[in-house]
Protein backbone atom coordinates (compact mmCIF):
# COMPACT_ATOMS: atom_id res chain seq x y z
CA MET A 1 36.64 274.92 115.07
CA GLU A 2 39.47 276.97 113.18
CA ASN A 3 40.02 275.74 109.45
CA PHE A 4 43.33 275.33 108.22
CA SER A 5 44.42 274.76 104.64
CA LEU A 6 46.68 271.85 103.81
CA GLU A 7 49.58 274.01 103.41
CA GLN A 8 48.88 275.71 106.90
CA ILE A 9 48.76 272.24 108.58
CA LYS A 10 51.88 271.15 106.95
CA GLU A 11 53.54 274.23 108.17
CA LEU A 12 52.29 273.46 111.82
CA ILE A 13 53.49 269.60 111.69
CA HIS A 14 57.03 271.17 110.49
CA LYS A 15 56.95 273.48 113.44
CA ASP A 16 56.02 270.80 115.91
CA PHE A 17 58.84 268.47 114.40
CA ASP A 18 61.37 271.14 114.39
CA PHE A 19 60.45 271.83 118.03
CA GLU A 20 60.76 268.37 119.17
CA LEU A 21 64.03 267.99 117.35
CA VAL A 22 65.66 270.82 119.20
CA THR A 23 64.34 269.54 122.32
CA PHE A 24 65.71 266.15 121.81
CA LYS A 25 68.94 267.45 120.71
CA ASN A 26 69.06 269.61 123.85
CA SER A 27 67.81 267.00 126.29
CA ASP A 28 69.40 267.05 129.78
CA PHE A 29 69.70 263.58 129.63
CA ARG A 30 72.21 263.55 126.63
CA VAL A 31 75.76 262.79 126.67
CA LEU A 32 78.04 264.42 124.45
CA SER A 33 81.49 263.76 123.45
CA THR A 34 82.61 267.45 124.30
CA ASP A 35 81.11 267.14 127.80
CA ILE A 36 83.46 267.92 130.33
CA LEU A 37 82.11 265.38 133.34
CA LYS A 38 83.25 265.64 136.73
CA LYS A 39 83.86 262.33 138.81
CA PRO A 40 81.42 261.93 141.46
CA ILE A 41 82.64 263.07 145.33
CA PRO A 42 83.69 260.42 147.51
CA ILE A 43 82.29 260.82 150.79
CA VAL A 44 82.81 257.44 152.54
CA GLU A 45 86.31 255.65 152.23
CA ILE A 46 88.18 252.75 153.59
CA TYR A 47 92.00 252.80 154.31
CA ASN A 48 94.04 250.25 152.84
CA SER A 49 96.74 249.82 154.89
CA PHE A 50 98.86 247.50 152.55
CA LYS A 51 98.67 250.03 149.80
CA GLU A 52 98.69 253.20 151.99
CA GLU A 53 95.56 254.75 150.09
CA TRP A 54 91.76 255.29 150.63
CA ASP A 55 89.49 253.10 148.58
CA ILE A 56 86.18 254.60 147.72
CA LEU A 57 82.96 253.01 149.29
CA ALA A 58 80.43 255.67 148.44
CA THR A 59 79.91 259.25 146.27
CA LEU A 60 77.32 261.63 146.04
CA GLY A 61 74.86 261.16 143.34
CA ASN A 62 74.75 257.23 143.74
CA ILE A 63 73.15 254.60 145.99
CA SER A 64 74.90 251.49 147.89
CA THR A 65 73.65 248.57 149.80
CA VAL A 66 74.80 246.91 153.06
CA LYS A 67 73.69 243.30 153.03
CA GLY A 68 74.21 240.48 155.55
CA LYS A 69 72.20 237.74 157.67
CA ALA A 70 69.95 238.99 160.40
CA LYS A 71 72.13 240.27 163.36
CA SER A 72 75.49 240.31 161.70
CA ARG A 73 76.19 243.75 162.57
CA LYS A 74 75.00 245.65 159.47
CA SER A 75 73.63 248.42 161.74
CA THR A 76 76.83 248.51 163.79
CA LEU A 77 78.78 249.38 160.46
CA LEU A 78 76.32 252.15 159.74
CA SER A 79 77.06 253.46 163.03
CA LEU A 80 80.77 253.79 162.52
CA ILE A 81 79.89 255.44 158.87
CA VAL A 82 77.60 257.99 160.61
CA GLY A 83 79.98 258.47 163.50
CA ALA A 84 83.02 259.31 160.93
CA ALA A 85 80.64 261.82 159.26
CA ILE A 86 79.60 263.77 162.21
CA LYS A 87 83.23 263.58 163.29
CA GLY A 88 84.35 264.75 160.27
CA ASP A 89 87.10 262.57 160.31
CA SER A 90 88.24 258.70 160.40
CA ILE A 91 87.46 256.29 162.92
CA GLY A 92 90.02 253.86 163.88
CA ASP A 93 92.03 255.10 161.05
CA LYS A 94 90.09 252.85 158.85
CA ILE A 95 86.60 254.25 157.77
CA ARG A 96 86.64 257.89 156.71
CA CYS A 97 83.34 259.89 155.85
CA THR A 98 84.20 263.68 154.61
CA LEU A 99 80.81 265.39 153.59
CA PRO A 100 81.15 268.86 151.44
CA GLU A 101 80.74 272.11 153.67
CA ASN A 102 77.20 272.84 152.18
CA LYS A 103 76.22 269.15 152.58
CA GLN A 104 76.92 268.39 156.14
CA LYS A 105 73.31 266.68 157.22
CA ILE A 106 72.59 263.16 157.53
CA LEU A 107 69.26 261.61 157.34
CA TYR A 108 68.95 258.02 158.96
CA VAL A 109 65.57 256.03 158.79
CA ASP A 110 64.91 253.09 160.76
CA THR A 111 62.04 251.06 159.09
CA GLU A 112 62.38 247.96 161.88
CA GLN A 113 63.13 248.83 165.51
CA GLN A 114 61.26 250.77 168.26
CA LYS A 115 62.06 254.11 169.27
CA TYR A 116 63.93 253.06 172.43
CA HIS A 117 66.71 250.77 170.34
CA VAL A 118 66.69 253.55 167.74
CA GLY A 119 67.78 256.18 170.16
CA PHE A 120 70.55 253.79 171.43
CA LEU A 121 71.96 253.79 167.96
CA LEU A 122 71.95 257.69 168.06
CA ARG A 123 73.82 257.55 171.49
CA ARG A 124 76.51 255.22 170.05
CA VAL A 125 76.86 257.72 166.93
CA GLN A 126 77.29 260.52 169.63
CA SER A 127 79.96 258.57 171.51
CA LEU A 128 81.84 257.46 168.26
CA SER A 129 81.70 261.15 167.12
CA SER A 130 82.71 262.63 170.24
CA ASN A 131 79.95 265.14 169.85
CA ASN A 132 78.91 266.72 173.20
CA GLY A 133 77.05 269.22 171.83
CA ASN A 134 73.50 269.20 169.76
CA ILE A 135 74.04 266.31 167.48
CA ASP A 136 70.15 266.60 166.20
CA GLU A 137 71.39 269.82 164.38
CA GLU A 138 73.51 267.38 161.86
CA LEU A 139 71.84 263.96 162.20
CA PHE A 140 68.20 263.59 161.82
CA VAL A 141 67.12 260.05 163.05
CA TYR A 142 63.64 258.88 162.52
CA SER A 143 61.73 255.48 163.36
CA LEU A 144 59.05 254.50 161.03
CA ARG A 145 58.15 251.19 162.34
CA SER A 146 54.47 252.06 162.87
CA LEU A 147 53.80 253.03 159.18
CA SER A 148 52.85 251.04 155.99
CA PRO A 149 55.43 250.79 153.22
CA LYS A 150 53.66 253.46 151.23
CA GLU A 151 53.43 255.84 154.36
CA ARG A 152 57.09 255.12 154.54
CA VAL A 153 57.97 256.28 151.04
CA LEU A 154 56.00 259.40 151.61
CA LYS A 155 57.69 260.13 154.87
CA VAL A 156 61.21 259.70 153.42
CA LYS A 157 60.32 261.77 150.45
CA GLU A 158 59.07 264.45 152.96
CA PHE A 159 62.29 264.36 155.01
CA ILE A 160 64.49 264.73 151.97
CA GLU A 161 62.60 267.49 150.37
CA SER A 162 62.71 269.46 153.83
CA ILE A 163 65.85 268.84 155.20
CA ASP A 164 68.31 271.30 153.43
CA GLY A 165 71.88 270.19 153.02
CA LEU A 166 71.69 266.62 153.07
CA GLY A 167 74.80 264.70 151.97
CA LEU A 168 74.05 261.22 153.23
CA ILE A 169 70.95 259.26 153.52
CA ILE A 170 70.84 255.82 155.36
CA ILE A 171 67.76 253.51 155.05
CA ASP A 172 67.55 250.57 157.41
CA GLY A 173 66.02 248.58 155.86
CA ILE A 174 64.85 249.16 152.22
CA ARG A 175 62.60 246.08 152.21
CA ASP A 176 60.19 247.84 154.49
CA LEU A 177 59.50 250.37 151.66
CA VAL A 178 57.58 247.78 149.56
CA MET A 179 54.90 245.42 150.11
CA SER A 180 56.19 242.66 148.61
CA ILE A 181 60.01 241.99 147.94
CA ASN A 182 59.16 239.80 145.09
CA ASP A 183 57.02 242.02 143.09
CA GLU A 184 59.06 243.03 140.09
CA VAL A 185 57.22 246.31 139.41
CA GLU A 186 57.21 247.50 143.02
CA SER A 187 60.89 246.61 143.44
CA THR A 188 62.04 248.42 140.29
CA GLU A 189 59.76 251.43 141.01
CA ILE A 190 61.31 252.00 144.51
CA VAL A 191 65.13 251.71 143.29
CA SER A 192 64.28 253.97 140.44
CA LEU A 193 63.05 256.54 143.08
CA LEU A 194 66.21 255.86 145.00
CA MET A 195 68.41 256.52 142.02
CA LYS A 196 66.33 259.62 141.11
CA TRP A 197 66.67 261.17 144.76
CA SER A 198 70.28 260.53 144.77
CA LEU A 199 70.86 262.47 141.53
CA GLU A 200 68.27 265.22 142.06
CA TYR A 201 69.36 266.27 145.50
CA ASP A 202 73.27 265.09 144.99
CA VAL A 203 73.28 262.65 147.95
CA HIS A 204 74.32 259.20 148.56
CA ILE A 205 71.65 256.82 149.60
CA MET A 206 72.86 253.83 151.47
CA ASN A 207 70.41 251.00 151.96
CA VAL A 208 70.05 247.89 154.24
CA LEU A 209 69.02 244.54 153.15
CA HIS A 210 68.93 240.96 154.73
CA GLU A 211 70.25 237.95 152.74
CA ASN A 212 68.55 234.91 152.25
CA PRO A 213 68.86 232.40 155.21
CA THR A 214 70.55 229.58 153.23
CA SER A 215 72.47 231.76 150.58
CA ASP A 216 74.53 235.02 150.43
CA LYS A 217 72.06 236.47 147.82
CA ALA A 218 70.13 239.75 148.92
CA ARG A 219 66.33 238.93 149.51
CA GLY A 220 63.83 238.82 146.75
CA HIS A 221 63.31 240.55 143.65
CA ILE A 222 64.35 243.89 145.27
CA GLY A 223 67.44 242.61 146.31
CA THR A 224 68.39 241.59 142.66
CA GLU A 225 67.52 245.07 141.66
CA MET A 226 69.64 246.64 144.49
CA MET A 227 72.59 244.78 143.53
CA ASN A 228 72.36 245.65 139.88
CA LYS A 229 72.06 249.30 140.48
CA SER A 230 74.16 249.79 143.60
CA GLU A 231 77.75 251.72 143.36
CA THR A 232 78.97 249.34 146.08
CA VAL A 233 77.52 246.28 147.56
CA ILE A 234 78.95 245.51 151.08
CA LYS A 235 78.55 242.42 152.68
CA VAL A 236 78.65 241.88 156.64
CA GLU A 237 79.28 238.60 158.06
CA ILE A 238 79.95 236.98 161.30
CA ASP A 239 83.58 235.66 161.64
CA PRO A 240 83.25 231.95 162.07
CA LYS A 241 86.22 231.65 164.20
CA ASP A 242 85.09 234.48 166.42
CA GLU A 243 81.43 235.41 166.92
CA ASP A 244 82.31 238.82 168.56
CA ILE A 245 83.73 239.82 165.36
CA SER A 246 81.99 240.79 162.05
CA ALA A 247 83.77 241.04 158.68
CA ILE A 248 82.91 243.64 155.99
CA TYR A 249 83.66 242.79 152.46
CA PRO A 250 83.45 244.20 149.32
CA ASP A 251 80.95 242.04 147.43
CA MET A 252 80.63 244.16 144.17
CA CYS A 253 82.10 247.55 143.61
CA ARG A 254 81.93 249.79 140.46
CA ASN A 255 85.13 251.58 141.91
CA LYS A 256 88.26 249.85 143.17
CA PRO A 257 87.13 247.18 145.82
CA PHE A 258 88.12 248.12 149.37
CA ALA A 259 90.12 246.09 151.47
CA PRO A 260 88.06 243.58 153.97
CA PHE A 261 88.34 244.50 157.54
CA PRO A 262 86.71 243.34 160.83
CA ILE A 263 84.37 245.42 163.42
CA GLY A 264 83.19 244.46 166.84
CA ILE A 265 81.49 245.99 169.76
CA ASN A 266 82.69 246.42 173.20
CA GLU A 267 81.43 245.96 176.78
CA PHE A 268 79.81 249.34 176.51
CA GLY A 269 77.89 248.84 173.43
CA ILE A 270 80.20 251.13 171.43
CA PRO A 271 81.30 249.76 167.95
CA PHE A 272 85.02 249.60 167.08
CA ILE A 273 87.55 248.81 164.45
CA SER A 274 88.95 245.43 165.38
CA ASP A 275 92.67 244.45 164.70
CA ALA A 276 91.61 240.63 164.56
CA GLN A 277 92.60 238.62 161.65
CA ILE A 278 90.10 237.81 159.24
CA ASP A 279 89.84 235.69 155.94
CA LYS A 280 90.78 238.55 153.61
CA LYS A 281 88.64 237.05 150.86
CA ALA A 282 84.83 236.59 151.09
CA LYS A 283 83.56 232.99 150.58
CA LYS A 284 82.00 233.71 147.41
CA LYS A 285 84.10 233.76 144.20
CA MET A 286 83.18 236.30 141.78
CA GLY A 287 82.39 235.48 138.07
CA ILE A 288 81.87 237.55 134.92
CA LYS A 289 78.25 236.37 135.14
CA ASP A 290 78.02 238.19 138.50
CA LEU A 291 78.84 241.77 136.89
CA ASN A 292 76.04 244.03 135.77
CA ALA A 293 76.48 246.01 132.36
CA ASP A 294 78.51 249.09 134.44
CA MET A 295 81.00 246.35 136.07
CA LYS A 296 81.92 244.87 132.82
CA SER A 297 82.26 248.18 130.93
CA LYS A 298 84.85 249.07 133.88
CA LEU A 299 86.87 245.35 133.41
CA LEU A 300 86.84 246.22 129.56
CA GLU A 301 87.93 249.94 130.36
CA ASP A 302 90.76 248.73 132.39
CA VAL A 303 91.70 245.75 129.86
CA PHE A 304 91.94 248.43 126.92
CA ASN A 305 93.88 251.11 129.43
CA ARG A 306 96.80 248.65 129.22
CA GLN A 307 96.98 248.78 125.23
CA LYS A 308 94.79 249.67 122.34
CA GLU A 309 94.61 246.31 120.51
CA PHE A 310 95.09 242.70 121.48
CA ASN A 311 95.34 239.58 119.33
CA TYR A 312 92.85 236.85 120.54
CA GLY A 313 95.12 235.17 123.14
CA ALA A 314 96.51 238.26 124.70
CA LEU A 315 92.91 239.68 125.05
CA GLU A 316 92.24 236.25 126.90
CA THR A 317 95.14 236.76 128.95
CA GLN A 318 94.56 240.54 129.78
CA ILE A 319 90.92 240.07 130.84
CA LYS A 320 91.77 237.45 133.44
CA THR A 321 94.44 239.40 134.59
CA SER A 322 92.35 242.49 135.12
CA PHE A 323 89.46 240.43 136.57
CA LYS A 324 91.67 239.13 139.09
CA GLU A 325 93.24 242.61 139.97
CA MET A 326 89.60 244.09 140.59
CA TYR A 327 87.67 241.08 142.23
CA GLY A 328 90.25 239.03 143.82
CA ASN A 329 90.13 235.68 142.39
CA GLU A 330 90.55 233.86 139.11
CA ILE A 331 88.11 233.15 136.46
CA GLY A 332 88.19 230.03 134.12
CA ILE A 333 89.05 230.45 130.40
CA ASN A 334 85.52 229.33 129.35
CA GLN A 335 84.07 232.38 131.14
CA VAL A 336 86.59 234.57 129.33
CA LYS A 337 85.73 233.25 125.73
CA GLU A 338 81.96 233.48 126.55
CA PHE A 339 82.76 237.33 127.47
CA ILE A 340 84.36 237.88 124.51
CA LYS A 341 81.53 236.36 122.32
CA GLN A 342 79.32 238.62 124.17
CA LEU A 343 81.71 241.79 123.36
CA LYS A 344 81.70 240.74 119.61
CA GLU A 345 77.87 240.35 119.32
CA ALA A 346 77.22 243.49 121.15
CA GLN A 347 79.77 245.03 118.70
CA ILE A 348 81.91 246.55 121.77
CA ILE A 349 84.84 245.04 120.35
CA HIS A 350 85.80 244.40 116.72
CA GLN A 351 88.74 243.33 114.17
CA PRO A 352 88.96 246.89 111.86
CA ASP A 353 91.73 245.08 109.76
CA GLY A 354 89.65 241.82 108.97
CA LYS A 355 89.69 238.15 110.46
CA ASN A 356 92.79 237.04 112.30
CA LYS A 357 93.59 240.60 113.25
CA PRO A 358 93.81 242.16 116.38
CA TYR A 359 90.74 243.29 118.27
CA THR A 360 90.05 247.12 119.22
CA GLN A 361 87.44 248.80 121.46
CA VAL A 362 84.58 250.28 119.65
CA THR A 363 82.92 251.63 122.66
CA LEU A 364 81.89 251.30 126.30
CA GLY A 365 78.45 251.37 128.49
CA LEU A 366 76.37 249.42 126.05
CA GLU A 367 73.93 246.44 127.03
CA PHE A 368 75.46 243.01 127.24
């Protein structure tokens, strides 16, 4: 063993420290104020006929969740999205899926159905996209029903690594990639893996989850994790006035919520965008307690984009106004007061000129 003097040991320690400090400062995970950050590229959009603009549903580098009761036509919605992607255009002037030129491939993994039914889904997509050529060169569809949860995860990883030019990945359903939907560690691990894949491969990963039979919450701890980490949570619900129609609602959105719309299936089994009238508001009303940290930051960003400082009463009013514009329903004053209290405690807003003076924004994105 080599002998070192005290001075040599000190020098080695300082060298190691300096190396670690440089590595820390130059970390790929760090975000600097001088960074020019590009907005994520939208690939799935929903047309808002009232405002005559396209609302963003999904972007590259993110994950999303499609949830609903069993047989609510979640897979029907996915068929329309994939059909639009293969077509490279909109379907029914409502759903548009535009993949970048170098990301035209789509991976569709089904964990529940037999190959026969998965094949039927593939033929649906082919009909929707008007693709009479070799659709298998663009769309890679797999049935993993016969595998265990761990084997499914490994297979999905293998597919992602081996298919060049992926832009969109659909996992129908994500519950079958874990042993227990209520295992916190397992759920966190699989959702973290989805986020890692979406960023590493610059793809969007859309996942399907069942709701609880007695509520509109996604099932288990994995449902909670998916709600918190998803860019968009889409709710699919059978229309109570017409069982042949399903309504598609924005349940939670980091971008501006899209306008709800109806879908159906014709006599030949082909999905279509319906012109039926549906309730434009989902049954569930949103509250501030339903927002994750990112969504709260978006709300606060909208508030302080209106003006740079507010007295307390004006701040309450603007939070209520911004919330209604973003999520479609009113919130009570007690929710707003509690939200402002959280913002002050987290030092996200403050009164630089002292008590009874206007509030200003300190920073965004902190934990609430």
